[in-house]
């Protein structure tokens, strides 16, 4: 049983390493798996999120004590908000131009 739990924990860590971490749903352990985030910063992120609600942008992470521009730049590629990659901002869809009426000869 102990080996099974160790295997499961290893798989969880491996899957976390390849997937972006959702900043709004991540657990303490998932945050700590990020490069540059230890227990204190992970706790600060969770505390900020519980006090202020979900992060609206990844840049809001700079409001967390201990997170600065350099840390944010290093983390950006590994973070997501609501399933969308944080590094790429979605562009708004262009408004469709109405079709020209067909002219009769």
Protein backbone atom coordinates (compact mmCIF):
# COMPACT_ATOMS: atom_id res chain seq x y z
CA UNK A 1 0.00 0.00 0.00
CA UNK A 2 2.83 2.38 0.86
CA UNK A 3 4.47 1.75 -2.52
CA UNK A 4 1.16 2.44 -4.25
CA UNK A 5 0.79 5.77 -2.47
CA UNK A 6 4.38 6.71 -3.33
CA UNK A 7 3.74 5.85 -6.98
CA UNK A 8 0.53 7.90 -7.00
CA UNK A 9 2.31 10.89 -5.44
CA UNK A 10 5.07 10.62 -8.04
CA UNK A 11 2.55 10.56 -10.88
CA UNK A 12 0.80 13.59 -9.43
CA UNK A 13 4.06 15.54 -9.28
CA UNK A 14 4.95 14.49 -12.84
CA UNK A 15 1.58 15.53 -14.21
CA UNK A 16 1.84 18.86 -12.41
CA UNK A 17 5.27 19.44 -13.95
CA UNK A 18 3.86 19.21 -17.47
CA UNK A 19 0.59 21.06 -16.99
CA UNK A 20 0.09 24.72 -16.28
CA UNK A 21 -1.02 25.45 -12.73
CA UNK A 22 -4.37 27.21 -12.42
CA UNK A 23 -3.67 30.14 -10.13
CA UNK A 24 -7.31 30.25 -9.00
CA UNK A 25 -7.68 26.59 -8.02
CA UNK A 26 -4.16 25.46 -7.12
CA UNK A 27 -3.49 23.82 -3.78
CA UNK A 28 -0.52 24.58 -1.55
CA UNK A 29 1.30 21.52 -2.95
CA UNK A 30 0.63 22.48 -6.57
CA UNK A 31 1.95 25.99 -5.96
CA UNK A 32 5.04 24.65 -4.19
CA UNK A 33 5.77 22.49 -7.25
CA UNK A 34 6.39 25.70 -9.23
CA UNK A 35 10.01 26.75 -9.62
CA UNK A 36 10.75 29.55 -7.14
CA UNK A 37 7.68 29.02 -4.95
CA UNK A 38 8.25 27.57 -1.52
CA UNK A 39 5.86 27.01 1.37
CA UNK A 40 5.82 30.67 2.48
CA UNK A 41 5.06 32.11 -0.98
CA UNK A 42 2.49 29.39 -1.69
CA UNK A 43 0.73 30.24 1.56
CA UNK A 44 0.87 33.96 0.73
CA UNK A 45 -0.76 33.24 -2.66
CA UNK A 46 -3.53 31.20 -1.02
CA UNK A 47 -4.08 33.87 1.63
CA UNK A 48 -4.29 36.61 -1.01
CA UNK A 49 -6.74 34.54 -3.06
CA UNK A 50 -8.99 33.81 -0.09
CA UNK A 51 -9.02 37.48 0.96
CA UNK A 52 -9.41 39.06 -2.52
CA UNK A 53 -11.14 36.39 -4.56
CA UNK A 54 -9.89 34.81 -7.77
CA UNK A 55 -7.04 36.36 -9.70
CA UNK A 56 -8.34 38.33 -12.69
CA UNK A 57 -4.94 38.48 -14.38
CA UNK A 58 -1.63 36.79 -13.73
CA UNK A 59 -0.18 40.26 -13.11
CA UNK A 60 -2.34 40.42 -9.95
CA UNK A 61 0.19 37.97 -8.52
CA UNK A 62 2.53 40.96 -8.03
CA UNK A 63 0.15 42.12 -5.26
CA UNK A 64 1.14 39.05 -3.21
CA UNK A 65 3.92 39.79 -0.70
CA UNK A 66 7.18 38.22 -1.86
CA UNK A 67 6.23 38.09 -5.56
CA UNK A 68 7.94 40.64 -7.77
CA UNK A 69 8.50 41.24 -11.45
CA UNK A 70 11.33 38.71 -11.74
CA UNK A 71 9.42 35.93 -9.99
CA UNK A 72 6.34 36.65 -12.06
CA UNK A 73 8.35 36.57 -15.30
CA UNK A 74 9.78 33.17 -14.33
CA UNK A 75 6.35 31.77 -13.43
CA UNK A 76 4.21 33.20 -16.22
CA UNK A 77 4.68 30.27 -18.63
CA UNK A 78 3.66 27.80 -15.93
CA UNK A 79 0.48 29.58 -14.82
CA UNK A 80 -3.06 29.62 -16.09
CA UNK A 81 -6.34 31.28 -15.12
CA UNK A 82 -9.50 29.28 -15.66
CA UNK A 83 -7.96 26.89 -18.17
CA UNK A 84 -6.45 29.52 -20.48
CA UNK A 85 -2.67 29.87 -20.69
CA UNK A 86 -1.61 32.97 -18.81
CA UNK A 87 1.24 33.89 -21.14
CA UNK A 88 -1.03 34.48 -24.11
CA UNK A 89 -3.83 36.97 -23.79
CA UNK A 90 -6.82 36.20 -25.93
CA UNK A 91 -7.58 38.84 -28.52
CA UNK A 92 -11.21 39.92 -28.77
CA UNK A 93 -12.97 38.61 -31.83
CA UNK A 94 -13.34 41.13 -34.60
CA UNK A 95 -16.87 42.34 -35.21
CA UNK A 96 -18.36 40.74 -38.27
CA UNK A 97 -18.94 43.15 -41.12
CA UNK A 98 -22.46 42.92 -42.51
CA UNK A 99 -22.66 41.41 -45.96
CA UNK A 100 -23.16 43.78 -48.88
CA UNK A 101 -26.58 43.44 -50.51
CA UNK A 102 -26.51 41.68 -53.86
CA UNK A 103 -27.12 44.14 -56.68
CA UNK A 104 -29.45 42.98 -59.46
CA UNK A 105 -28.38 43.70 -63.05
